[in-house]
Amino acid sequence: MLSLDLLRTWLETNQDATRLTNNGESVFRDLALFQDYHGLPAFKNVLAEFMAEIRGNKVSFDPIKLVLMAGATSTSETLMFCIAEHGDAFLLPMPYYFGYDRDLKWRT
């Protein structure tokens, strides 16, 4: 997972590369939060380019295959529903976010 602060800092210093500006002002925060659940194509394209760049362009990412989620808990829960079979268990390292007990154990 990427740190929003790290990503925002990179985007702010590379505004021309990302084209995420409006009249010279960064619009990253407006685009990154609460959009279409598939993710904005422009944001996913820039994110794929950024992820490849920070890995030295040794890896490429298909924006179509990127899934944008809001938070580690919802991402973990979605992954568990996608890959687990009935009766499977997951080990969570400690310390962990206290909300996992409620959000992951009780609902799944």
PDB file of N, CA and C in Angstrom:
ATOM      1  N   MET A   1       0.833  -1.166   0.000  1.00  0.00           N
ATOM      2  CA  MET A   1       0.000   0.000   0.000  1.00  0.00           C
ATOM      3  C   MET A   1       0.887   1.242   0.000  1.00  0.00           C
ATOM      4  N   LEU A   2       0.397   2.258  -0.637  1.00  0.00           N
ATOM      5  CA  LEU A   2       1.136   3.507  -0.699  1.00  0.00           C
ATOM      6  C   LEU A   2       0.664   4.449   0.396  1.00  0.00           C
ATOM      7  N   SER A   3       1.581   5.195   0.936  1.00  0.00           N
ATOM      8  CA  SER A   3       1.240   6.223   1.912  1.00  0.00           C
ATOM      9  C   SER A   3       0.675   7.427   1.177  1.00  0.00           C
ATOM     10  N   LEU A   4      -0.502   7.887   1.586  1.00  0.00           N
ATOM     11  CA  LEU A   4      -1.121   9.044   0.943  1.00  0.00           C
ATOM     12  C   LEU A   4      -0.212  10.257   1.038  1.00  0.00           C
ATOM     13  N   ASP A   5       0.471  10.425   2.167  1.00  0.00           N
ATOM     14  CA  ASP A   5       1.383  11.570   2.326  1.00  0.00           C
ATOM     15  C   ASP A   5       2.539  11.490   1.334  1.00  0.00           C
ATOM     16  N   LEU A   6       3.110  10.297   1.182  1.00  0.00           N
ATOM     17  CA  LEU A   6       4.214  10.112   0.245  1.00  0.00           C
ATOM     18  C   LEU A   6       3.756  10.398  -1.178  1.00  0.00           C
ATOM     19  N   LEU A   7       2.609   9.856  -1.529  1.00  0.00           N
ATOM     20  CA  LEU A   7       2.068  10.047  -2.865  1.00  0.00           C
ATOM     21  C   LEU A   7       1.747  11.514  -3.114  1.00  0.00           C
ATOM     22  N   ARG A   8       1.111  12.172  -2.153  1.00  0.00           N
ATOM     23  CA  ARG A   8       0.753  13.580  -2.312  1.00  0.00           C
ATOM     24  C   ARG A   8       2.010  14.431  -2.489  1.00  0.00           C
ATOM     25  N   THR A   9       3.046  14.169  -1.684  1.00  0.00           N
ATOM     26  CA  THR A   9       4.289  14.924  -1.800  1.00  0.00           C
ATOM     27  C   THR A   9       4.899  14.764  -3.188  1.00  0.00           C
ATOM     28  N   TRP A  10       4.935  13.517  -3.684  1.00  0.00           N
ATOM     29  CA  TRP A  10       5.498  13.280  -5.016  1.00  0.00           C
ATOM     30  C   TRP A  10       4.678  13.996  -6.070  1.00  0.00           C
ATOM     31  N   LEU A  11       3.361  13.906  -5.972  1.00  0.00           N
ATOM     32  CA  LEU A  11       2.498  14.545  -6.961  1.00  0.00           C
ATOM     33  C   LEU A  11       2.648  16.059  -6.939  1.00  0.00           C
ATOM     34  N   GLU A  12       2.801  16.627  -5.752  1.00  0.00           N
ATOM     35  CA  GLU A  12       2.951  18.080  -5.648  1.00  0.00           C
ATOM     36  C   GLU A  12       4.260  18.562  -6.264  1.00  0.00           C
ATOM     37  N   THR A  13       5.314  17.756  -6.163  1.00  0.00           N
ATOM     38  CA  THR A  13       6.602  18.159  -6.730  1.00  0.00           C
ATOM     39  C   THR A  13       6.745  17.769  -8.200  1.00  0.00           C
ATOM     40  N   ASN A  14       5.806  16.988  -8.720  1.00  0.00           N
ATOM     41  CA  ASN A  14       5.844  16.550 -10.117  1.00  0.00           C
ATOM     42  C   ASN A  14       4.513  16.841 -10.818  1.00  0.00           C
ATOM     43  N   GLN A  15       3.978  18.023 -10.581  1.00  0.00           N
ATOM     44  CA  GLN A  15       2.655  18.350 -11.110  1.00  0.00           C
ATOM     45  C   GLN A  15       2.587  18.316 -12.629  1.00  0.00           C
ATOM     46  N   ASP A  16       3.657  18.736 -13.296  1.00  0.00           N
ATOM     47  CA  ASP A  16       3.632  18.726 -14.760  1.00  0.00           C
ATOM     48  C   ASP A  16       3.571  17.302 -15.300  1.00  0.00           C
ATOM     49  N   ALA A  17       4.224  16.377 -14.626  1.00  0.00           N
ATOM     50  CA  ALA A  17       4.230  14.980 -15.078  1.00  0.00           C
ATOM     51  C   ALA A  17       2.877  14.319 -14.878  1.00  0.00           C
ATOM     52  N   THR A  18       2.169  14.722 -13.868  1.00  0.00           N
ATOM     53  CA  THR A  18       0.920  14.041 -13.531  1.00  0.00           C
ATOM     54  C   THR A  18      -0.308  14.678 -14.149  1.00  0.00           C
ATOM     55  N   ARG A  19      -0.234  15.933 -14.507  1.00  0.00           N
ATOM     56  CA  ARG A  19      -1.372  16.662 -15.066  1.00  0.00           C
ATOM     57  C   ARG A  19      -2.562  16.680 -14.102  1.00  0.00           C
ATOM     58  N   LEU A  20      -2.308  16.637 -12.800  1.00  0.00           N
ATOM     59  CA  LEU A  20      -3.369  16.682 -11.805  1.00  0.00           C
ATOM     60  C   LEU A  20      -3.464  18.076 -11.201  1.00  0.00           C
ATOM     61  N   THR A  21      -3.543  19.071 -12.087  1.00  0.00           N
ATOM     62  CA  THR A  21      -3.636  20.453 -11.628  1.00  0.00           C
ATOM     63  C   THR A  21      -4.802  21.145 -12.318  1.00  0.00           C
ATOM     64  N   ASN A  22      -5.277  22.200 -11.683  1.00  0.00           N
ATOM     65  CA  ASN A  22      -6.306  23.053 -12.253  1.00  0.00           C
ATOM     66  C   ASN A  22      -5.876  24.488 -11.963  1.00  0.00           C
ATOM     67  N   ASN A  23      -5.517  25.219 -13.002  1.00  0.00           N
ATOM     68  CA  ASN A  23      -5.009  26.590 -12.842  1.00  0.00           C
ATOM     69  C   ASN A  23      -3.802  26.634 -11.915  1.00  0.00           C
ATOM     70  N   GLY A  24      -2.913  25.657 -12.030  1.00  0.00           N
ATOM     71  CA  GLY A  24      -1.701  25.622 -11.228  1.00  0.00           C
ATOM     72  C   GLY A  24      -1.870  25.059  -9.829  1.00  0.00           C
ATOM     73  N   GLU A  25      -3.091  24.764  -9.416  1.00  0.00           N
ATOM     74  CA  GLU A  25      -3.357  24.219  -8.079  1.00  0.00           C
ATOM     75  C   GLU A  25      -3.531  22.702  -8.168  1.00  0.00           C
ATOM     76  N   SER A  26      -2.961  21.984  -7.218  1.00  0.00           N
ATOM     77  CA  SER A  26      -3.107  20.528  -7.170  1.00  0.00           C
ATOM     78  C   SER A  26      -4.563  20.154  -6.903  1.00  0.00           C
ATOM     79  N   VAL A  27      -5.063  19.196  -7.671  1.00  0.00           N
ATOM     80  CA  VAL A  27      -6.426  18.688  -7.464  1.00  0.00           C
ATOM     81  C   VAL A  27      -6.384  17.232  -7.009  1.00  0.00           C
ATOM     82  N   PHE A  28      -5.206  16.787  -6.548  1.00  0.00           N
ATOM     83  CA  PHE A  28      -5.049  15.394  -6.133  1.00  0.00           C
ATOM     84  C   PHE A  28      -6.064  15.001  -5.073  1.00  0.00           C
ATOM     85  N   ARG A  29      -6.200  15.809  -4.031  1.00  0.00           N
ATOM     86  CA  ARG A  29      -7.110  15.461  -2.929  1.00  0.00           C
ATOM     87  C   ARG A  29      -8.551  15.325  -3.425  1.00  0.00           C
ATOM     88  N   ASP A  30      -8.968  16.211  -4.337  1.00  0.00           N
ATOM     89  CA  ASP A  30     -10.324  16.141  -4.871  1.00  0.00           C
ATOM     90  C   ASP A  30     -10.547  14.869  -5.687  1.00  0.00           C
ATOM     91  N   LEU A  31      -9.521  14.439  -6.408  1.00  0.00           N
ATOM     92  CA  LEU A  31      -9.658  13.268  -7.272  1.00  0.00           C
ATOM     93  C   LEU A  31      -9.486  11.955  -6.531  1.00  0.00           C
ATOM     94  N   ALA A  32      -8.697  11.955  -5.474  1.00  0.00           N
ATOM     95  CA  ALA A  32      -8.335  10.707  -4.806  1.00  0.00           C
ATOM     96  C   ALA A  32      -9.409  10.201  -3.848  1.00  0.00           C
ATOM     97  N   LEU A  33     -10.312  11.043  -3.434  1.00  0.00           N
ATOM     98  CA  LEU A  33     -11.274  10.651  -2.413  1.00  0.00           C
ATOM     99  C   LEU A  33     -12.693  10.560  -2.958  1.00  0.00           C
ATOM    100  N   PHE A  34     -13.386   9.505  -2.590  1.00  0.00           N
ATOM    101  CA  PHE A  34     -14.814   9.333  -2.836  1.00  0.00           C
ATOM    102  C   PHE A  34     -15.223   9.540  -4.286  1.00  0.00           C
ATOM    103  N   GLN A  35     -14.631   8.791  -5.154  1.00  0.00           N
ATOM    104  CA  GLN A  35     -14.982   8.840  -6.568  1.00  0.00           C
ATOM    105  C   GLN A  35     -15.609   7.504  -6.967  1.00  0.00           C
ATOM    106  N   ASP A  36     -15.847   7.339  -8.253  1.00  0.00           N
ATOM    107  CA  ASP A  36     -16.373   6.095  -8.796  1.00  0.00           C
ATOM    108  C   ASP A  36     -15.607   4.915  -8.215  1.00  0.00           C
ATOM    109  N   TYR A  37     -16.334   3.894  -7.781  1.00  0.00           N
ATOM    110  CA  TYR A  37     -15.659   2.786  -7.104  1.00  0.00           C
ATOM    111  C   TYR A  37     -14.679   2.040  -7.996  1.00  0.00           C
ATOM    112  N   HIS A  38     -14.757   2.216  -9.309  1.00  0.00           N
ATOM    113  CA  HIS A  38     -13.752   1.620 -10.196  1.00  0.00           C
ATOM    114  C   HIS A  38     -12.475   2.452 -10.199  1.00  0.00           C
ATOM    115  N   GLY A  39     -12.568   3.687  -9.748  1.00  0.00           N
ATOM    116  CA  GLY A  39     -11.433   4.599  -9.760  1.00  0.00           C
ATOM    117  C   GLY A  39     -11.428   5.430 -11.031  1.00  0.00           C
ATOM    118  N   LEU A  40     -11.013   6.659 -10.902  1.00  0.00           N
ATOM    119  CA  LEU A  40     -10.934   7.524 -12.074  1.00  0.00           C
ATOM    120  C   LEU A  40      -9.818   7.032 -12.988  1.00  0.00           C
ATOM    121  N   PRO A  41     -10.106   6.828 -14.261  1.00  0.00           N
ATOM    122  CA  PRO A  41      -9.074   6.331 -15.178  1.00  0.00           C
ATOM    123  C   PRO A  41      -7.820   7.194 -15.190  1.00  0.00           C
ATOM    124  N   ALA A  42      -7.973   8.520 -15.164  1.00  0.00           N
ATOM    125  CA  ALA A  42      -6.795   9.400 -15.186  1.00  0.00           C
ATOM    126  C   ALA A  42      -5.932   9.169 -13.950  1.00  0.00           C
ATOM    127  N   PHE A  43      -6.565   9.016 -12.786  1.00  0.00           N
ATOM    128  CA  PHE A  43      -5.806   8.783 -11.558  1.00  0.00           C
ATOM    129  C   PHE A  43      -5.119   7.419 -11.598  1.00  0.00           C
ATOM    130  N   LYS A  44      -5.823   6.399 -12.073  1.00  0.00           N
ATOM    131  CA  LYS A  44      -5.236   5.057 -12.142  1.00  0.00           C
ATOM    132  C   LYS A  44      -4.058   5.015 -13.112  1.00  0.00           C
ATOM    133  N   ASN A  45      -4.156   5.756 -14.214  1.00  0.00           N
ATOM    134  CA  ASN A  45      -3.040   5.816 -15.164  1.00  0.00           C
ATOM    135  C   ASN A  45      -1.806   6.438 -14.513  1.00  0.00           C
ATOM    136  N   VAL A  46      -2.009   7.565 -13.830  1.00  0.00           N
ATOM    137  CA  VAL A  46      -0.899   8.249 -13.160  1.00  0.00           C
ATOM    138  C   VAL A  46      -0.331   7.376 -12.048  1.00  0.00           C
ATOM    139  N   LEU A  47      -1.192   6.707 -11.302  1.00  0.00           N
ATOM    140  CA  LEU A  47      -0.735   5.826 -10.222  1.00  0.00           C
ATOM    141  C   LEU A  47       0.103   4.678 -10.774  1.00  0.00           C
ATOM    142  N   ALA A  48      -0.323   4.085 -11.880  1.00  0.00           N
ATOM    143  CA  ALA A  48       0.443   2.995 -12.498  1.00  0.00           C
ATOM    144  C   ALA A  48       1.824   3.486 -12.937  1.00  0.00           C
ATOM    145  N   GLU A  49       1.868   4.683 -13.525  1.00  0.00           N
ATOM    146  CA  GLU A  49       3.153   5.263 -13.931  1.00  0.00           C
ATOM    147  C   GLU A  49       4.038   5.537 -12.716  1.00  0.00           C
ATOM    148  N   PHE A  50       3.449   6.091 -11.662  1.00  0.00           N
ATOM    149  CA  PHE A  50       4.199   6.394 -10.437  1.00  0.00           C
ATOM    150  C   PHE A  50       4.763   5.118  -9.816  1.00  0.00           C
ATOM    151  N   MET A  51       3.941   4.075  -9.712  1.00  0.00           N
ATOM    152  CA  MET A  51       4.404   2.821  -9.105  1.00  0.00           C
ATOM    153  C   MET A  51       5.532   2.199  -9.926  1.00  0.00           C
ATOM    154  N   ALA A  52       5.453   2.289 -11.241  1.00  0.00           N
ATOM    155  CA  ALA A  52       6.534   1.782 -12.088  1.00  0.00           C
ATOM    156  C   ALA A  52       7.796   2.615 -11.886  1.00  0.00           C
ATOM    157  N   GLU A  53       7.641   3.928 -11.827  1.00  0.00           N
ATOM    158  CA  GLU A  53       8.790   4.824 -11.675  1.00  0.00           C
ATOM    159  C   GLU A  53       9.529   4.579 -10.363  1.00  0.00           C
ATOM    160  N   ILE A  54       8.784   4.431  -9.255  1.00  0.00           N
ATOM    161  CA  ILE A  54       9.473   4.245  -7.974  1.00  0.00           C
ATOM    162  C   ILE A  54      10.117   2.873  -7.871  1.00  0.00           C
ATOM    163  N   ARG A  55       9.823   1.994  -8.806  1.00  0.00           N
ATOM    164  CA  ARG A  55      10.482   0.682  -8.868  1.00  0.00           C
ATOM    165  C   ARG A  55      11.500   0.635 -10.006  1.00  0.00           C
ATOM    166  N   GLY A  56      11.945   1.811 -10.407  1.00  0.00           N
ATOM    167  CA  GLY A  56      12.995   1.914 -11.422  1.00  0.00           C
ATOM    168  C   GLY A  56      12.542   1.479 -12.803  1.00  0.00           C
ATOM    169  N   ASN A  57      11.252   1.509 -13.077  1.00  0.00           N
ATOM    170  CA  ASN A  57      10.673   1.081 -14.359  1.00  0.00           C
ATOM    171  C   ASN A  57      11.053  -0.343 -14.735  1.00  0.00           C
ATOM    172  N   LYS A  58      11.333  -1.163 -13.720  1.00  0.00           N
ATOM    173  CA  LYS A  58      11.631  -2.587 -13.950  1.00  0.00           C
ATOM    174  C   LYS A  58      10.346  -3.407 -13.983  1.00  0.00           C
ATOM    175  N   VAL A  59       9.254  -2.783 -13.539  1.00  0.00           N
ATOM    176  CA  VAL A  59       7.958  -3.442 -13.470  1.00  0.00           C
ATOM    177  C   VAL A  59       6.937  -2.508 -14.086  1.00  0.00           C
ATOM    178  N   SER A  60       5.967  -3.060 -14.798  1.00  0.00           N
ATOM    179  CA  SER A  60       4.889  -2.215 -15.316  1.00  0.00           C
ATOM    180  C   SER A  60       3.571  -2.637 -14.672  1.00  0.00           C
ATOM    181  N   PHE A  61       2.661  -1.703 -14.587  1.00  0.00           N
ATOM    182  CA  PHE A  61       1.370  -1.938 -13.961  1.00  0.00           C
ATOM    183  C   PHE A  61       0.267  -1.571 -14.944  1.00  0.00           C
ATOM    184  N   ASP A  62      -0.719  -2.428 -15.056  1.00  0.00           N
ATOM    185  CA  ASP A  62      -1.862  -2.182 -15.924  1.00  0.00           C
ATOM    186  C   ASP A  62      -2.918  -1.442 -15.119  1.00  0.00           C
ATOM    187  N   PRO A  63      -3.214  -0.183 -15.465  1.00  0.00           N
ATOM    188  CA  PRO A  63      -4.195   0.593 -14.698  1.00  0.00           C
ATOM    189  C   PRO A  63      -5.565  -0.081 -14.620  1.00  0.00           C
ATOM    190  N   ILE A  64      -5.909  -0.850 -15.618  1.00  0.00           N
ATOM    191  CA  ILE A  64      -7.200  -1.549 -15.628  1.00  0.00           C
ATOM    192  C   ILE A  64      -7.276  -2.554 -14.479  1.00  0.00           C
ATOM    193  N   LYS A  65      -6.121  -3.096 -14.089  1.00  0.00           N
ATOM    194  CA  LYS A  65      -6.085  -4.118 -13.042  1.00  0.00           C
ATOM    195  C   LYS A  65      -5.872  -3.543 -11.646  1.00  0.00           C
ATOM    196  N   LEU A  66      -5.738  -2.232 -11.530  1.00  0.00           N
ATOM    197  CA  LEU A  66      -5.593  -1.610 -10.216  1.00  0.00           C
ATOM    198  C   LEU A  66      -6.959  -1.480  -9.559  1.00  0.00           C
ATOM    199  N   VAL A  67      -7.017  -1.841  -8.307  1.00  0.00           N
ATOM    200  CA  VAL A  67      -8.241  -1.671  -7.534  1.00  0.00           C
ATOM    201  C   VAL A  67      -7.931  -0.668  -6.432  1.00  0.00           C
ATOM    202  N   LEU A  68      -8.669   0.424  -6.416  1.00  0.00           N
ATOM    203  CA  LEU A  68      -8.465   1.471  -5.419  1.00  0.00           C
ATOM    204  C   LEU A  68      -9.449   1.257  -4.288  1.00  0.00           C
ATOM    205  N   MET A  69      -8.933   1.218  -3.077  1.00  0.00           N
ATOM    206  CA  MET A  69      -9.791   0.995  -1.914  1.00  0.00           C
ATOM    207  C   MET A  69      -9.471   2.045  -0.859  1.00  0.00           C
ATOM    208  N   ALA A  70     -10.413   2.270   0.030  1.00  0.00           N
ATOM    209  CA  ALA A  70     -10.269   3.294   1.059  1.00  0.00           C
ATOM    210  C   ALA A  70      -9.920   2.660   2.389  1.00  0.00           C
ATOM    211  N   GLY A  71      -8.649   2.406   2.623  1.00  0.00           N
ATOM    212  CA  GLY A  71      -8.216   1.936   3.928  1.00  0.00           C
ATOM    213  C   GLY A  71      -7.764   0.488   3.953  1.00  0.00           C
ATOM    214  N   ALA A  72      -6.906   0.203   4.928  1.00  0.00           N
ATOM    215  CA  ALA A  72      -6.341  -1.140   5.067  1.00  0.00           C
ATOM    216  C   ALA A  72      -7.390  -2.158   5.510  1.00  0.00           C
ATOM    217  N   THR A  73      -8.339  -1.745   6.338  1.00  0.00           N
ATOM    218  CA  THR A  73      -9.336  -2.686   6.826  1.00  0.00           C
ATOM    219  C   THR A  73     -10.229  -3.161   5.695  1.00  0.00           C
ATOM    220  N   SER A  74     -10.763  -2.233   4.910  1.00  0.00           N
ATOM    221  CA  SER A  74     -11.635  -2.644   3.810  1.00  0.00           C
ATOM    222  C   SER A  74     -10.872  -3.421   2.750  1.00  0.00           C
ATOM    223  N   THR A  75      -9.611  -3.062   2.537  1.00  0.00           N
ATOM    224  CA  THR A  75      -8.792  -3.794   1.584  1.00  0.00           C
ATOM    225  C   THR A  75      -8.542  -5.216   2.076  1.00  0.00           C
ATOM    226  N   SER A  76      -8.192  -5.367   3.343  1.00  0.00           N
ATOM    227  CA  SER A  76      -7.960  -6.699   3.910  1.00  0.00           C
ATOM    228  C   SER A  76      -9.224  -7.544   3.854  1.00  0.00           C
ATOM    229  N   GLU A  77     -10.342  -6.947   4.201  1.00  0.00           N
ATOM    230  CA  GLU A  77     -11.609  -7.689   4.184  1.00  0.00           C
ATOM    231  C   GLU A  77     -11.946  -8.148   2.770  1.00  0.00           C
ATOM    232  N   THR A  78     -11.785  -7.279   1.800  1.00  0.00           N
ATOM    233  CA  THR A  78     -12.074  -7.641   0.412  1.00  0.00           C
ATOM    234  C   THR A  78     -11.164  -8.773  -0.047  1.00  0.00           C
ATOM    235  N   LEU A  79      -9.869  -8.681   0.279  1.00  0.00           N
ATOM    236  CA  LEU A  79      -8.945  -9.750  -0.085  1.00  0.00           C
ATOM    237  C   LEU A  79      -9.336 -11.076   0.559  1.00  0.00           C
ATOM    238  N   MET A  80      -9.756 -11.024   1.807  1.00  0.00           N
ATOM    239  CA  MET A  80     -10.157 -12.252   2.495  1.00  0.00           C
ATOM    240  C   MET A  80     -11.359 -12.896   1.812  1.00  0.00           C
ATOM    241  N   PHE A  81     -12.335 -12.087   1.432  1.00  0.00           N
ATOM    242  CA  PHE A  81     -13.493 -12.635   0.733  1.00  0.00           C
ATOM    243  C   PHE A  81     -13.113 -13.190  -0.639  1.00  0.00           C
ATOM    244  N   CYS A  82     -12.112 -12.598  -1.280  1.00  0.00           N
ATOM    245  CA  CYS A  82     -11.721 -13.038  -2.620  1.00  0.00           C
ATOM    246  C   CYS A  82     -10.895 -14.318  -2.612  1.00  0.00           C
ATOM    247  N   ILE A  83     -10.021 -14.491  -1.620  1.00  0.00           N
ATOM    248  CA  ILE A  83      -9.093 -15.625  -1.684  1.00  0.00           C
ATOM    249  C   ILE A  83      -9.369 -16.741  -0.688  1.00  0.00           C
ATOM    250  N   ALA A  84     -10.228 -16.504   0.289  1.00  0.00           N
ATOM    251  CA  ALA A  84     -10.432 -17.517   1.333  1.00  0.00           C
ATOM    252  C   ALA A  84     -11.548 -18.487   0.968  1.00  0.00           C
ATOM    253  N   GLU A  85     -11.396 -19.691   1.462  1.00  0.00           N
ATOM    254  CA  GLU A  85     -12.439 -20.707   1.376  1.00  0.00           C
ATOM    255  C   GLU A  85     -13.070 -20.825   2.760  1.00  0.00           C
ATOM    256  N   HIS A  86     -14.261 -21.376   2.825  1.00  0.00           N
ATOM    257  CA  HIS A  86     -14.934 -21.579   4.110  1.00  0.00           C
ATOM    258  C   HIS A  86     -14.017 -22.367   5.051  1.00  0.00           C
ATOM    259  N   GLY A  87     -13.828 -21.857   6.261  1.00  0.00           N
ATOM    260  CA  GLY A  87     -12.992 -22.520   7.250  1.00  0.00           C
ATOM    261  C   GLY A  87     -11.542 -22.078   7.256  1.00  0.00           C
ATOM    262  N   ASP A  88     -11.111 -21.298   6.262  1.00  0.00           N
ATOM    263  CA  ASP A  88      -9.734 -20.792   6.237  1.00  0.00           C
ATOM    264  C   ASP A  88      -9.524 -19.789   7.356  1.00  0.00           C
ATOM    265  N   ALA A  89      -8.279 -19.629   7.756  1.00  0.00           N
ATOM    266  CA  ALA A  89      -7.920 -18.665   8.793  1.00  0.00           C
ATOM    267  C   ALA A  89      -6.790 -17.781   8.278  1.00  0.00           C
ATOM    268  N   PHE A  90      -6.672 -16.597   8.854  1.00  0.00           N
ATOM    269  CA  PHE A  90      -5.607 -15.661   8.516  1.00  0.00           C
ATOM    270  C   PHE A  90      -4.862 -15.306   9.785  1.00  0.00           C
ATOM    271  N   LEU A  91      -3.559 -15.213   9.679  1.00  0.00           N
ATOM    272  CA  LEU A  91      -2.735 -14.773  10.803  1.00  0.00           C
ATOM    273  C   LEU A  91      -2.439 -13.295  10.628  1.00  0.00           C
ATOM    274  N   LEU A  92      -2.716 -12.533  11.655  1.00  0.00           N
ATOM    275  CA  LEU A  92      -2.418 -11.104  11.643  1.00  0.00           C
ATOM    276  C   LEU A  92      -1.299 -10.840  12.632  1.00  0.00           C
ATOM    277  N   PRO A  93      -0.218 -10.212  12.169  1.00  0.00           N
ATOM    278  CA  PRO A  93       0.886  -9.914  13.089  1.00  0.00           C
ATOM    279  C   PRO A  93       0.458  -8.883  14.122  1.00  0.00           C
ATOM    280  N   MET A  94       1.064  -8.973  15.286  1.00  0.00           N
ATOM    281  CA  MET A  94       0.769  -8.010  16.342  1.00  0.00           C
ATOM    282  C   MET A  94       1.938  -7.047  16.453  1.00  0.00           C
ATOM    283  N   PRO A  95       1.763  -5.833  16.840  1.00  0.00           N
ATOM    284  CA  PRO A  95       0.472  -5.200  17.117  1.00  0.00           C
ATOM    285  C   PRO A  95      -0.250  -4.913  15.806  1.00  0.00           C
ATOM    286  N   TYR A  96      -1.544  -4.846  15.871  1.00  0.00           N
ATOM    287  CA  TYR A  96      -2.340  -4.524  14.701  1.00  0.00           C
ATOM    288  C   TYR A  96      -3.465  -3.577  15.102  1.00  0.00           C
ATOM    289  N   TYR A  97      -4.103  -3.007  14.107  1.00  0.00           N
ATOM    290  CA  TYR A  97      -5.186  -2.066  14.328  1.00  0.00           C
ATOM    291  C   TYR A  97      -6.314  -2.761  15.087  1.00  0.00           C
ATOM    292  N   PHE A  98      -6.739  -2.193  16.206  1.00  0.00           N
ATOM    293  CA  PHE A  98      -7.737  -2.822  17.067  1.00  0.00           C
ATOM    294  C   PHE A  98      -9.060  -3.073  16.349  1.00  0.00           C
ATOM    295  N   GLY A  99      -9.343  -2.292  15.329  1.00  0.00           N
ATOM    296  CA  GLY A  99     -10.589  -2.459  14.584  1.00  0.00           C
ATOM    297  C   GLY A  99     -10.651  -3.742  13.782  1.00  0.00           C
ATOM    298  N   TYR A 100      -9.491  -4.396  13.565  1.00  0.00           N
ATOM    299  CA  TYR A 100      -9.505  -5.664  12.829  1.00  0.00           C
ATOM    300  C   TYR A 100     -10.361  -6.711  13.535  1.00  0.00           C
ATOM    301  N   ASP A 101     -10.343  -6.729  14.862  1.00  0.00           N
ATOM    302  CA  ASP A 101     -11.161  -7.707  15.573  1.00  0.00           C
ATOM    303  C   ASP A 101     -12.625  -7.574  15.175  1.00  0.00           C
ATOM    304  N   ARG A 102     -13.117  -6.381  15.195  1.00  0.00           N
ATOM    305  CA  ARG A 102     -14.517  -6.141  14.840  1.00  0.00           C
ATOM    306  C   ARG A 102     -14.731  -6.285  13.342  1.00  0.00           C
ATOM    307  N   ASP A 103     -13.910  -5.601  12.573  1.00  0.00           N
ATOM    308  CA  ASP A 103     -14.150  -5.519  11.139  1.00  0.00           C
ATOM    309  C   ASP A 103     -13.839  -6.800  10.385  1.00  0.00           C
ATOM    310  N   LEU A 104     -12.826  -7.512  10.782  1.00  0.00           N
ATOM    311  CA  LEU A 104     -12.429  -8.693  10.028  1.00  0.00           C
ATOM    312  C   LEU A 104     -12.936  -9.992  10.660  1.00  0.00           C
ATOM    313  N   LYS A 105     -12.796 -10.120  11.952  1.00  0.00           N
ATOM    314  CA  LYS A 105     -13.155 -11.376  12.605  1.00  0.00           C
ATOM    315  C   LYS A 105     -14.664 -11.542  12.687  1.00  0.00           C
ATOM    316  N   TRP A 106     -15.365 -10.545  13.110  1.00  0.00           N
ATOM    317  CA  TRP A 106     -16.802 -10.683  13.335  1.00  0.00           C
ATOM    318  C   TRP A 106     -17.595 -10.711  12.035  1.00  0.00           C
ATOM    319  N   ARG A 107     -17.188  -9.900  11.059  1.00  0.00           N
ATOM    320  CA  ARG A 107     -17.966  -9.837   9.816  1.00  0.00           C
ATOM    321  C   ARG A 107     -17.634 -10.955   8.855  1.00  0.00           C
ATOM    322  N   THR A 108     -16.424 -11.453   8.899  1.00  0.00           N
ATOM    323  CA  THR A 108     -16.043 -12.474   7.934  1.00  0.00           C
ATOM    324  C   THR A 108     -16.246 -13.840   8.529  1.00  0.00           C
TER     325      THR A 108
END
